[in-house]
Amino acid sequence: AMKEQFDKNQIPCVMEDALNFASDRAARYGRKVYIWSTVKAKRVFA
């Protein structure tokens, strides 16, 4: 939504996934833990 605003006003803007700057293993692990904790183990997340 924010990139949409900068683009339509022709201000240079790039959107990146921050975890792409981490190691592949760390990025995959971070996403998996989040998904598991919120979908499969809500008590853990809470």
ModelCIF file with pLDDT and N, C-alpha, C, O atoms, coordinates in Angstrom:
data_MODEL
#
_entry.id   MODEL 
#
_entity.id                         1 
_entity.type                       polymer 
_entity.pdbx_number_of_molecules   1 
#
_entity_poly.entity_id                      1 
_entity_poly.type                           'polypeptide(L)' 
_entity_poly.nstd_linkage                   no 
_entity_poly.nstd_monomer                   no 
_entity_poly.pdbx_seq_one_letter_code       AMKEQFDKNQIPCVMEDALNFASDRAARYGRKVYIWSTVKAKRVFA 
_entity_poly.pdbx_seq_one_letter_code_can   AMKEQFDKNQIPCVMEDALNFASDRAARYGRKVYIWSTVKAKRVFA 
_entity_poly.pdbx_strand_id                 A 
#
loop_
_entity_poly_seq.entity_id 
_entity_poly_seq.num 
_entity_poly_seq.mon_id 
_entity_poly_seq.hetero 
1 1  ALA n 
1 2  MET n 
1 3  LYS n 
1 4  GLU n 
1 5  GLN n 
1 6  PHE n 
1 7  ASP n 
1 8  LYS n 
1 9  ASN n 
1 10 GLN n 
1 11 ILE n 
1 12 PRO n 
1 13 CYS n 
1 14 VAL n 
1 15 MET n 
1 16 GLU n 
1 17 ASP n 
1 18 ALA n 
1 19 LEU n 
1 20 ASN n 
1 21 PHE n 
1 22 ALA n 
1 23 SER n 
1 24 ASP n 
1 25 ARG n 
1 26 ALA n 
1 27 ALA n 
1 28 ARG n 
1 29 TYR n 
1 30 GLY n 
1 31 ARG n 
1 32 LYS n 
1 33 VAL n 
1 34 TYR n 
1 35 ILE n 
1 36 TRP n 
1 37 SER n 
1 38 THR n 
1 39 VAL n 
1 40 LYS n 
1 41 ALA n 
1 42 LYS n 
1 43 ARG n 
1 44 VAL n 
1 45 PHE n 
1 46 ALA n 
#
_struct_asym.id          A 
_struct_asym.entity_id   1 
#
loop_
_ma_qa_metric.id 
_ma_qa_metric.mode 
_ma_qa_metric.name 
_ma_qa_metric.software_group_id 
_ma_qa_metric.type 
1 global pLDDT . pLDDT 
2 local  pLDDT . pLDDT 
#
_ma_qa_metric_global.metric_id      1 
_ma_qa_metric_global.metric_value   71.26 
_ma_qa_metric_global.model_id       1 
_ma_qa_metric_global.ordinal_id     1 
#
loop_
_ma_qa_metric_local.label_asym_id 
_ma_qa_metric_local.label_comp_id 
_ma_qa_metric_local.label_seq_id 
_ma_qa_metric_local.metric_id 
_ma_qa_metric_local.metric_value 
_ma_qa_metric_local.model_id 
_ma_qa_metric_local.ordinal_id 
A ALA 1  2 98.00 1 1  
A MET 2  2 98.00 1 2  
A LYS 3  2 98.00 1 3  
A GLU 4  2 98.00 1 4  
A GLN 5  2 98.00 1 5  
A PHE 6  2 98.00 1 6  
A ASP 7  2 98.00 1 7  
A LYS 8  2 97.00 1 8  
A ASN 9  2 97.00 1 9  
A GLN 10 2 97.00 1 10 
A ILE 11 2 97.00 1 11 
A PRO 12 2 98.00 1 12 
A CYS 13 2 98.00 1 13 
A VAL 14 2 98.00 1 14 
A MET 15 2 98.00 1 15 
A GLU 16 2 96.00 1 16 
A ASP 17 2 93.00 1 17 
A ALA 18 2 92.00 1 18 
A LEU 19 2 89.00 1 19 
A ASN 20 2 90.00 1 20 
A PHE 21 2 91.00 1 21 
A ALA 22 2 84.00 1 22 
A SER 23 2 69.00 1 23 
A ASP 24 2 64.00 1 24 
A ARG 25 2 60.00 1 25 
A ALA 26 2 57.00 1 26 
A ALA 27 2 55.00 1 27 
A ARG 28 2 55.00 1 28 
A TYR 29 2 49.00 1 29 
A GLY 30 2 52.00 1 30 
A ARG 31 2 51.00 1 31 
A LYS 32 2 53.00 1 32 
A VAL 33 2 48.00 1 33 
A TYR 34 2 47.00 1 34 
A ILE 35 2 46.00 1 35 
A TRP 36 2 42.00 1 36 
A SER 37 2 41.00 1 37 
A THR 38 2 40.00 1 38 
A VAL 39 2 42.00 1 39 
A LYS 40 2 44.00 1 40 
A ALA 41 2 39.00 1 41 
A LYS 42 2 43.00 1 42 
A ARG 43 2 48.00 1 43 
A VAL 44 2 43.00 1 44 
A PHE 45 2 40.00 1 45 
A ALA 46 2 49.00 1 46 
#
loop_
_atom_site.group_PDB 
_atom_site.id 
_atom_site.type_symbol 
_atom_site.label_atom_id 
_atom_site.label_alt_id 
_atom_site.label_comp_id 
_atom_site.label_asym_id 
_atom_site.label_entity_id 
_atom_site.label_seq_id 
_atom_site.pdbx_PDB_ins_code 
_atom_site.Cartn_x 
_atom_site.Cartn_y 
_atom_site.Cartn_z 
_atom_site.occupancy 
_atom_site.B_iso_or_equiv 
_atom_site.pdbx_formal_charge 
_atom_site.auth_seq_id 
_atom_site.auth_comp_id 
_atom_site.auth_asym_id 
_atom_site.auth_atom_id 
_atom_site.pdbx_PDB_model_num 
ATOM 1   N N  . ALA A 1 1  ? 0.840  -1.207  0.000  1.00 98.00 ? 1  ALA A N  1 
ATOM 2   C CA . ALA A 1 1  ? 0.000  0.000   0.000  1.00 98.00 ? 1  ALA A CA 1 
ATOM 3   C C  . ALA A 1 1  ? 0.870  1.250   0.000  1.00 98.00 ? 1  ALA A C  1 
ATOM 4   O O  . ALA A 1 1  ? 0.547  2.237   -0.661 1.00 98.00 ? 1  ALA A O  1 
ATOM 5   N N  . MET A 1 2  ? 1.969  1.208   0.739  1.00 98.00 ? 2  MET A N  1 
ATOM 6   C CA . MET A 1 2  ? 2.874  2.366   0.756  1.00 98.00 ? 2  MET A CA 1 
ATOM 7   C C  . MET A 1 2  ? 3.646  2.477   -0.554 1.00 98.00 ? 2  MET A C  1 
ATOM 8   O O  . MET A 1 2  ? 3.832  3.576   -1.075 1.00 98.00 ? 2  MET A O  1 
ATOM 9   N N  . LYS A 1 3  ? 4.089  1.359   -1.078 1.00 98.00 ? 3  LYS A N  1 
ATOM 10  C CA . LYS A 1 3  ? 4.814  1.411   -2.362 1.00 98.00 ? 3  LYS A CA 1 
ATOM 11  C C  . LYS A 1 3  ? 3.914  1.980   -3.455 1.00 98.00 ? 3  LYS A C  1 
ATOM 12  O O  . LYS A 1 3  ? 4.377  2.707   -4.334 1.00 98.00 ? 3  LYS A O  1 
ATOM 13  N N  . GLU A 1 4  ? 2.642  1.649   -3.397 1.00 98.00 ? 4  GLU A N  1 
ATOM 14  C CA . GLU A 1 4  ? 1.660  2.176   -4.343 1.00 98.00 ? 4  GLU A CA 1 
ATOM 15  C C  . GLU A 1 4  ? 1.674  3.704   -4.336 1.00 98.00 ? 4  GLU A C  1 
ATOM 16  O O  . GLU A 1 4  ? 1.590  4.332   -5.391 1.00 98.00 ? 4  GLU A O  1 
ATOM 17  N N  . GLN A 1 5  ? 1.781  4.296   -3.159 1.00 98.00 ? 5  GLN A N  1 
ATOM 18  C CA . GLN A 1 5  ? 1.783  5.758   -3.037 1.00 98.00 ? 5  GLN A CA 1 
ATOM 19  C C  . GLN A 1 5  ? 3.055  6.372   -3.623 1.00 98.00 ? 5  GLN A C  1 
ATOM 20  O O  . GLN A 1 5  ? 2.992  7.364   -4.349 1.00 98.00 ? 5  GLN A O  1 
ATOM 21  N N  . PHE A 1 6  ? 4.207  5.779   -3.306 1.00 98.00 ? 6  PHE A N  1 
ATOM 22  C CA . PHE A 1 6  ? 5.465  6.319   -3.838 1.00 98.00 ? 6  PHE A CA 1 
ATOM 23  C C  . PHE A 1 6  ? 5.537  6.129   -5.348 1.00 98.00 ? 6  PHE A C  1 
ATOM 24  O O  . PHE A 1 6  ? 6.012  7.012   -6.062 1.00 98.00 ? 6  PHE A O  1 
ATOM 25  N N  . ASP A 1 7  ? 5.070  4.985   -5.836 1.00 98.00 ? 7  ASP A N  1 
ATOM 26  C CA . ASP A 1 7  ? 5.115  4.723   -7.276 1.00 98.00 ? 7  ASP A CA 1 
ATOM 27  C C  . ASP A 1 7  ? 4.258  5.699   -8.056 1.00 98.00 ? 7  ASP A C  1 
ATOM 28  O O  . ASP A 1 7  ? 4.691  6.224   -9.082 1.00 98.00 ? 7  ASP A O  1 
ATOM 29  N N  . LYS A 1 8  ? 3.038  5.951   -7.578 1.00 97.00 ? 8  LYS A N  1 
ATOM 30  C CA . LYS A 1 8  ? 2.145  6.829   -8.347 1.00 97.00 ? 8  LYS A CA 1 
ATOM 31  C C  . LYS A 1 8  ? 2.611  8.281   -8.319 1.00 97.00 ? 8  LYS A C  1 
ATOM 32  O O  . LYS A 1 8  ? 2.198  9.092   -9.148 1.00 97.00 ? 8  LYS A O  1 
ATOM 33  N N  . ASN A 1 9  ? 3.476  8.601   -7.355 1.00 97.00 ? 9  ASN A N  1 
ATOM 34  C CA . ASN A 1 9  ? 4.060  9.944   -7.293 1.00 97.00 ? 9  ASN A CA 1 
ATOM 35  C C  . ASN A 1 9  ? 5.490  9.973   -7.838 1.00 97.00 ? 9  ASN A C  1 
ATOM 36  O O  . ASN A 1 9  ? 6.214  10.956  -7.682 1.00 97.00 ? 9  ASN A O  1 
ATOM 37  N N  . GLN A 1 10 ? 5.875  8.859   -8.485 1.00 97.00 ? 10 GLN A N  1 
ATOM 38  C CA . GLN A 1 10 ? 7.150  8.750   -9.199 1.00 97.00 ? 10 GLN A CA 1 
ATOM 39  C C  . GLN A 1 10 ? 8.363  9.025   -8.308 1.00 97.00 ? 10 GLN A C  1 
ATOM 40  O O  . GLN A 1 10 ? 9.342  9.639   -8.733 1.00 97.00 ? 10 GLN A O  1 
ATOM 41  N N  . ILE A 1 11 ? 8.275  8.557   -7.069 1.00 97.00 ? 11 ILE A N  1 
ATOM 42  C CA . ILE A 1 11 ? 9.420  8.610   -6.167 1.00 97.00 ? 11 ILE A CA 1 
ATOM 43  C C  . ILE A 1 11 ? 10.047 7.216   -6.136 1.00 97.00 ? 11 ILE A C  1 
ATOM 44  O O  . ILE A 1 11 ? 9.347  6.240   -5.867 1.00 97.00 ? 11 ILE A O  1 
ATOM 45  N N  . PRO A 1 12 ? 11.342 7.101   -6.403 1.00 98.00 ? 12 PRO A N  1 
ATOM 46  C CA . PRO A 1 12 ? 11.988 5.782   -6.440 1.00 98.00 ? 12 PRO A CA 1 
ATOM 47  C C  . PRO A 1 12 ? 11.758 5.005   -5.147 1.00 98.00 ? 12 PRO A C  1 
ATOM 48  O O  . PRO A 1 12 ? 12.033 5.505   -4.057 1.00 98.00 ? 12 PRO A O  1 
ATOM 49  N N  . CYS A 1 13 ? 11.254 3.783   -5.277 1.00 98.00 ? 13 CYS A N  1 
ATOM 50  C CA . CYS A 1 13 ? 10.893 2.994   -4.108 1.00 98.00 ? 13 CYS A CA 1 
ATOM 51  C C  . CYS A 1 13 ? 11.056 1.511   -4.426 1.00 98.00 ? 13 CYS A C  1 
ATOM 52  O O  . CYS A 1 13 ? 10.604 1.032   -5.465 1.00 98.00 ? 13 CYS A O  1 
ATOM 53  N N  . VAL A 1 14 ? 11.707 0.799   -3.519 1.00 98.00 ? 14 VAL A N  1 
ATOM 54  C CA . VAL A 1 14 ? 11.922 -0.639  -3.670 1.00 98.00 ? 14 VAL A CA 1 
ATOM 55  C C  . VAL A 1 14 ? 11.397 -1.333  -2.423 1.00 98.00 ? 14 VAL A C  1 
ATOM 56  O O  . VAL A 1 14 ? 11.606 -0.859  -1.306 1.00 98.00 ? 14 VAL A O  1 
ATOM 57  N N  . MET A 1 15 ? 10.716 -2.458  -2.618 1.00 98.00 ? 15 MET A N  1 
ATOM 58  C CA . MET A 1 15 ? 10.229 -3.262  -1.492 1.00 98.00 ? 15 MET A CA 1 
ATOM 59  C C  . MET A 1 15 ? 11.024 -4.560  -1.443 1.00 98.00 ? 15 MET A C  1 
ATOM 60  O O  . MET A 1 15 ? 11.150 -5.255  -2.451 1.00 98.00 ? 15 MET A O  1 
ATOM 61  N N  . GLU A 1 16 ? 11.560 -4.884  -0.269 1.00 96.00 ? 16 GLU A N  1 
ATOM 62  C CA . GLU A 1 16 ? 12.348 -6.096  -0.092 1.00 96.00 ? 16 GLU A CA 1 
ATOM 63  C C  . GLU A 1 16 ? 11.860 -6.880  1.127  1.00 96.00 ? 16 GLU A C  1 
ATOM 64  O O  . GLU A 1 16 ? 11.329 -6.309  2.079  1.00 96.00 ? 16 GLU A O  1 
ATOM 65  N N  . ASP A 1 17 ? 12.051 -8.199  1.075  1.00 93.00 ? 17 ASP A N  1 
ATOM 66  C CA . ASP A 1 17 ? 11.822 -9.062  2.224  1.00 93.00 ? 17 ASP A CA 1 
ATOM 67  C C  . ASP A 1 17 ? 13.084 -9.031  3.072  1.00 93.00 ? 17 ASP A C  1 
ATOM 68  O O  . ASP A 1 17 ? 14.146 -9.454  2.615  1.00 93.00 ? 17 ASP A O  1 
ATOM 69  N N  . ALA A 1 18 ? 12.984 -8.538  4.296  1.00 92.00 ? 18 ALA A N  1 
ATOM 70  C CA . ALA A 1 18 ? 14.163 -8.373  5.151  1.00 92.00 ? 18 ALA A CA 1 
ATOM 71  C C  . ALA A 1 18 ? 14.895 -9.685  5.383  1.00 92.00 ? 18 ALA A C  1 
ATOM 72  O O  . ALA A 1 18 ? 16.123 -9.709  5.473  1.00 92.00 ? 18 ALA A O  1 
ATOM 73  N N  . LEU A 1 19 ? 14.145 -10.771 5.479  1.00 89.00 ? 19 LEU A N  1 
ATOM 74  C CA . LEU A 1 19 ? 14.777 -12.057 5.764  1.00 89.00 ? 19 LEU A CA 1 
ATOM 75  C C  . LEU A 1 19 ? 15.584 -12.593 4.588  1.00 89.00 ? 19 LEU A C  1 
ATOM 76  O O  . LEU A 1 19 ? 16.325 -13.564 4.741  1.00 89.00 ? 19 LEU A O  1 
ATOM 77  N N  . ASN A 1 20 ? 15.452 -11.974 3.419  1.00 90.00 ? 20 ASN A N  1 
ATOM 78  C CA . ASN A 1 20 ? 16.305 -12.350 2.297  1.00 90.00 ? 20 ASN A CA 1 
ATOM 79  C C  . ASN A 1 20 ? 17.754 -11.951 2.536  1.00 90.00 ? 20 ASN A C  1 
ATOM 80  O O  . ASN A 1 20 ? 18.662 -12.462 1.880  1.00 90.00 ? 20 ASN A O  1 
ATOM 81  N N  . PHE A 1 21 ? 17.967 -11.039 3.476  1.00 91.00 ? 21 PHE A N  1 
ATOM 82  C CA . PHE A 1 21 ? 19.332 -10.632 3.813  1.00 91.00 ? 21 PHE A CA 1 
ATOM 83  C C  . PHE A 1 21 ? 19.938 -11.556 4.873  1.00 91.00 ? 21 PHE A C  1 
ATOM 84  O O  . PHE A 1 21 ? 21.146 -11.528 5.108  1.00 91.00 ? 21 PHE A O  1 
ATOM 85  N N  . ALA A 1 22 ? 19.111 -12.358 5.500  1.00 84.00 ? 22 ALA A N  1 
ATOM 86  C CA . ALA A 1 22 ? 19.601 -13.367 6.433  1.00 84.00 ? 22 ALA A CA 1 
ATOM 87  C C  . ALA A 1 22 ? 20.027 -14.593 5.641  1.00 84.00 ? 22 ALA A C  1 
ATOM 88  O O  . ALA A 1 22 ? 19.797 -14.661 4.433  1.00 84.00 ? 22 ALA A O  1 
ATOM 89  N N  . SER A 1 23 ? 20.644 -15.559 6.306  1.00 69.00 ? 23 SER A N  1 
ATOM 90  C CA . SER A 1 23 ? 20.995 -16.797 5.626  1.00 69.00 ? 23 SER A CA 1 
ATOM 91  C C  . SER A 1 23 ? 19.720 -17.523 5.219  1.00 69.00 ? 23 SER A C  1 
ATOM 92  O O  . SER A 1 23 ? 18.674 -17.349 5.846  1.00 69.00 ? 23 SER A O  1 
ATOM 93  N N  . ASP A 1 24 ? 19.805 -18.333 4.174  1.00 64.00 ? 24 ASP A N  1 
ATOM 94  C CA . ASP A 1 24 ? 18.627 -19.073 3.709  1.00 64.00 ? 24 ASP A CA 1 
ATOM 95  C C  . ASP A 1 24 ? 18.045 -19.923 4.827  1.00 64.00 ? 24 ASP A C  1 
ATOM 96  O O  . ASP A 1 24 ? 16.828 -20.003 4.994  1.00 64.00 ? 24 ASP A O  1 
ATOM 97  N N  . ARG A 1 25 ? 18.915 -20.548 5.581  1.00 60.00 ? 25 ARG A N  1 
ATOM 98  C CA . ARG A 1 25 ? 18.461 -21.428 6.657  1.00 60.00 ? 25 ARG A CA 1 
ATOM 99  C C  . ARG A 1 25 ? 17.719 -20.627 7.733  1.00 60.00 ? 25 ARG A C  1 
ATOM 100 O O  . ARG A 1 25 ? 16.658 -21.036 8.203  1.00 60.00 ? 25 ARG A O  1 
ATOM 101 N N  . ALA A 1 26 ? 18.291 -19.484 8.114  1.00 57.00 ? 26 ALA A N  1 
ATOM 102 C CA . ALA A 1 26 ? 17.669 -18.661 9.154  1.00 57.00 ? 26 ALA A CA 1 
ATOM 103 C C  . ALA A 1 26 ? 16.329 -18.107 8.693  1.00 57.00 ? 26 ALA A C  1 
ATOM 104 O O  . ALA A 1 26 ? 15.379 -18.048 9.473  1.00 57.00 ? 26 ALA A O  1 
ATOM 105 N N  . ALA A 1 27 ? 16.249 -17.696 7.420  1.00 55.00 ? 27 ALA A N  1 
ATOM 106 C CA . ALA A 1 27 ? 15.005 -17.145 6.890  1.00 55.00 ? 27 ALA A CA 1 
ATOM 107 C C  . ALA A 1 27 ? 13.904 -18.203 6.873  1.00 55.00 ? 27 ALA A C  1 
ATOM 108 O O  . ALA A 1 27 ? 12.778 -17.946 7.299  1.00 55.00 ? 27 ALA A O  1 
ATOM 109 N N  . ARG A 1 28 ? 14.242 -19.399 6.376  1.00 55.00 ? 28 ARG A N  1 
ATOM 110 C CA . ARG A 1 28 ? 13.248 -20.474 6.330  1.00 55.00 ? 28 ARG A CA 1 
ATOM 111 C C  . ARG A 1 28 ? 12.794 -20.855 7.733  1.00 55.00 ? 28 ARG A C  1 
ATOM 112 O O  . ARG A 1 28 ? 11.608 -21.088 7.969  1.00 55.00 ? 28 ARG A O  1 
ATOM 113 N N  . TYR A 1 29 ? 13.732 -20.917 8.648  1.00 49.00 ? 29 TYR A N  1 
ATOM 114 C CA . TYR A 1 29 ? 13.411 -21.299 10.019 1.00 49.00 ? 29 TYR A CA 1 
ATOM 115 C C  . TYR A 1 29 ? 12.485 -20.266 10.671 1.00 49.00 ? 29 TYR A C  1 
ATOM 116 O O  . TYR A 1 29 ? 11.511 -20.633 11.328 1.00 49.00 ? 29 TYR A O  1 
ATOM 117 N N  . GLY A 1 30 ? 12.786 -18.988 10.490 1.00 52.00 ? 30 GLY A N  1 
ATOM 118 C CA . GLY A 1 30 ? 11.969 -17.930 11.082 1.00 52.00 ? 30 GLY A CA 1 
ATOM 119 C C  . GLY A 1 30 ? 10.535 -17.975 10.597 1.00 52.00 ? 30 GLY A C  1 
ATOM 120 O O  . GLY A 1 30 ? 9.605  -17.816 11.387 1.00 52.00 ? 30 GLY A O  1 
ATOM 121 N N  . ARG A 1 31 ? 10.348 -18.190 9.297  1.00 51.00 ? 31 ARG A N  1 
ATOM 122 C CA . ARG A 1 31 ? 8.995  -18.246 8.747  1.00 51.00 ? 31 ARG A CA 1 
ATOM 123 C C  . ARG A 1 31 ? 8.252  -19.490 9.236  1.00 51.00 ? 31 ARG A C  1 
ATOM 124 O O  . ARG A 1 31 ? 7.075  -19.421 9.591  1.00 51.00 ? 31 ARG A O  1 
ATOM 125 N N  . LYS A 1 32 ? 8.952  -20.626 9.250  1.00 53.00 ? 32 LYS A N  1 
ATOM 126 C CA . LYS A 1 32 ? 8.310  -21.871 9.675  1.00 53.00 ? 32 LYS A CA 1 
ATOM 127 C C  . LYS A 1 32 ? 7.875  -21.807 11.129 1.00 53.00 ? 32 LYS A C  1 
ATOM 128 O O  . LYS A 1 32 ? 6.781  -22.258 11.471 1.00 53.00 ? 32 LYS A O  1 
ATOM 129 N N  . VAL A 1 33 ? 8.722  -21.251 11.989 1.00 48.00 ? 33 VAL A N  1 
ATOM 130 C CA . VAL A 1 33 ? 8.388  -21.157 13.409 1.00 48.00 ? 33 VAL A CA 1 
ATOM 131 C C  . VAL A 1 33 ? 7.157  -20.286 13.600 1.00 48.00 ? 33 VAL A C  1 
ATOM 132 O O  . VAL A 1 33 ? 6.271  -20.622 14.386 1.00 48.00 ? 33 VAL A O  1 
ATOM 133 N N  . TYR A 1 34 ? 7.098  -19.169 12.884 1.00 47.00 ? 34 TYR A N  1 
ATOM 134 C CA . TYR A 1 34 ? 5.949  -18.279 13.013 1.00 47.00 ? 34 TYR A CA 1 
ATOM 135 C C  . TYR A 1 34 ? 4.667  -18.987 12.578 1.00 47.00 ? 34 TYR A C  1 
ATOM 136 O O  . TYR A 1 34 ? 3.663  -18.952 13.289 1.00 47.00 ? 34 TYR A O  1 
ATOM 137 N N  . ILE A 1 35 ? 4.705  -19.627 11.409 1.00 46.00 ? 35 ILE A N  1 
ATOM 138 C CA . ILE A 1 35 ? 3.511  -20.296 10.892 1.00 46.00 ? 35 ILE A CA 1 
ATOM 139 C C  . ILE A 1 35 ? 3.084  -21.428 11.826 1.00 46.00 ? 35 ILE A C  1 
ATOM 140 O O  . ILE A 1 35 ? 1.899  -21.568 12.132 1.00 46.00 ? 35 ILE A O  1 
ATOM 141 N N  . TRP A 1 36 ? 4.046  -22.234 12.279 1.00 42.00 ? 36 TRP A N  1 
ATOM 142 C CA . TRP A 1 36 ? 3.716  -23.336 13.182 1.00 42.00 ? 36 TRP A CA 1 
ATOM 143 C C  . TRP A 1 36 ? 3.098  -22.825 14.471 1.00 42.00 ? 36 TRP A C  1 
ATOM 144 O O  . TRP A 1 36 ? 2.099  -23.368 14.941 1.00 42.00 ? 36 TRP A O  1 
ATOM 145 N N  . SER A 1 37 ? 3.683  -21.790 15.040 1.00 41.00 ? 37 SER A N  1 
ATOM 146 C CA . SER A 1 37 ? 3.214  -21.313 16.344 1.00 41.00 ? 37 SER A CA 1 
ATOM 147 C C  . SER A 1 37 ? 1.839  -20.689 16.270 1.00 41.00 ? 37 SER A C  1 
ATOM 148 O O  . SER A 1 37 ? 1.078  -20.759 17.235 1.00 41.00 ? 37 SER A O  1 
ATOM 149 N N  . THR A 1 38 ? 1.498  -20.069 15.125 1.00 40.00 ? 38 THR A N  1 
ATOM 150 C CA . THR A 1 38 ? 0.205  -19.404 15.017 1.00 40.00 ? 38 THR A CA 1 
ATOM 151 C C  . THR A 1 38 ? -0.893 -20.319 14.491 1.00 40.00 ? 38 THR A C  1 
ATOM 152 O O  . THR A 1 38 ? -2.060 -20.139 14.838 1.00 40.00 ? 38 THR A O  1 
ATOM 153 N N  . VAL A 1 39 ? -0.540 -21.303 13.654 1.00 42.00 ? 39 VAL A N  1 
ATOM 154 C CA . VAL A 1 39 ? -1.549 -22.201 13.093 1.00 42.00 ? 39 VAL A CA 1 
ATOM 155 C C  . VAL A 1 39 ? -1.695 -23.462 13.925 1.00 42.00 ? 39 VAL A C  1 
ATOM 156 O O  . VAL A 1 39 ? -2.815 -23.881 14.217 1.00 42.00 ? 39 VAL A O  1 
ATOM 157 N N  . LYS A 1 40 ? -0.581 -24.076 14.312 1.00 44.00 ? 40 LYS A N  1 
ATOM 158 C CA . LYS A 1 40 ? -0.606 -25.383 14.961 1.00 44.00 ? 40 LYS A CA 1 
ATOM 159 C C  . LYS A 1 40 ? -0.513 -25.322 16.480 1.00 44.00 ? 40 LYS A C  1 
ATOM 160 O O  . LYS A 1 40 ? -0.967 -26.239 17.164 1.00 44.00 ? 40 LYS A O  1 
ATOM 161 N N  . ALA A 1 41 ? 0.062  -24.266 17.009 1.00 39.00 ? 41 ALA A N  1 
ATOM 162 C CA . ALA A 1 41 ? 0.329  -24.255 18.453 1.00 39.00 ? 41 ALA A CA 1 
ATOM 163 C C  . ALA A 1 41 ? 0.052  -22.876 19.043 1.00 39.00 ? 41 ALA A C  1 
ATOM 164 O O  . ALA A 1 41 ? 0.964  -22.180 19.487 1.00 39.00 ? 41 ALA A O  1 
ATOM 165 N N  . LYS A 1 42 ? -1.227 -22.497 19.037 1.00 43.00 ? 42 LYS A N  1 
ATOM 166 C CA . LYS A 1 42 ? -1.599 -21.151 19.478 1.00 43.00 ? 42 LYS A CA 1 
ATOM 167 C C  . LYS A 1 42 ? -1.242 -20.907 20.937 1.00 43.00 ? 42 LYS A C  1 
ATOM 168 O O  . LYS A 1 42 ? -0.939 -19.778 21.322 1.00 43.00 ? 42 LYS A O  1 
ATOM 169 N N  . ARG A 1 43 ? -1.276 -21.962 21.756 1.00 48.00 ? 43 ARG A N  1 
ATOM 170 C CA . ARG A 1 43 ? -0.927 -21.766 23.163 1.00 48.00 ? 43 ARG A CA 1 
ATOM 171 C C  . ARG A 1 43 ? 0.532  -21.375 23.310 1.00 48.00 ? 43 ARG A C  1 
ATOM 172 O O  . ARG A 1 43 ? 0.878  -20.557 24.162 1.00 48.00 ? 43 ARG A O  1 
ATOM 173 N N  . VAL A 1 44 ? 1.388  -21.958 22.481 1.00 43.00 ? 44 VAL A N  1 
ATOM 174 C CA . VAL A 1 44 ? 2.803  -21.600 22.496 1.00 43.00 ? 44 VAL A CA 1 
ATOM 175 C C  . VAL A 1 44 ? 2.962  -20.128 22.120 1.00 43.00 ? 44 VAL A C  1 
ATOM 176 O O  . VAL A 1 44 ? 3.694  -19.382 22.769 1.00 43.00 ? 44 VAL A O  1 
ATOM 177 N N  . PHE A 1 45 ? 2.255  -19.725 21.048 1.00 40.00 ? 45 PHE A N  1 
ATOM 178 C CA . PHE A 1 45 ? 2.349  -18.338 20.598 1.00 40.00 ? 45 PHE A CA 1 
ATOM 179 C C  . PHE A 1 45 ? 1.826  -17.380 21.670 1.00 40.00 ? 45 PHE A C  1 
ATOM 180 O O  . PHE A 1 45 ? 2.410  -16.323 21.910 1.00 40.00 ? 45 PHE A O  1 
ATOM 181 N N  . ALA A 1 46 ? 0.726  -17.760 22.304 1.00 49.00 ? 46 ALA A N  1 
ATOM 182 C CA . ALA A 1 46 ? 0.153  -16.909 23.346 1.00 49.00 ? 46 ALA A CA 1 
ATOM 183 C C  . ALA A 1 46 ? 1.125  -16.755 24.506 1.00 49.00 ? 46 ALA A C  1 
ATOM 184 O O  . ALA A 1 46 ? 0.818  -16.072 25.482 1.00 49.00 ? 46 ALA A O  1 
#
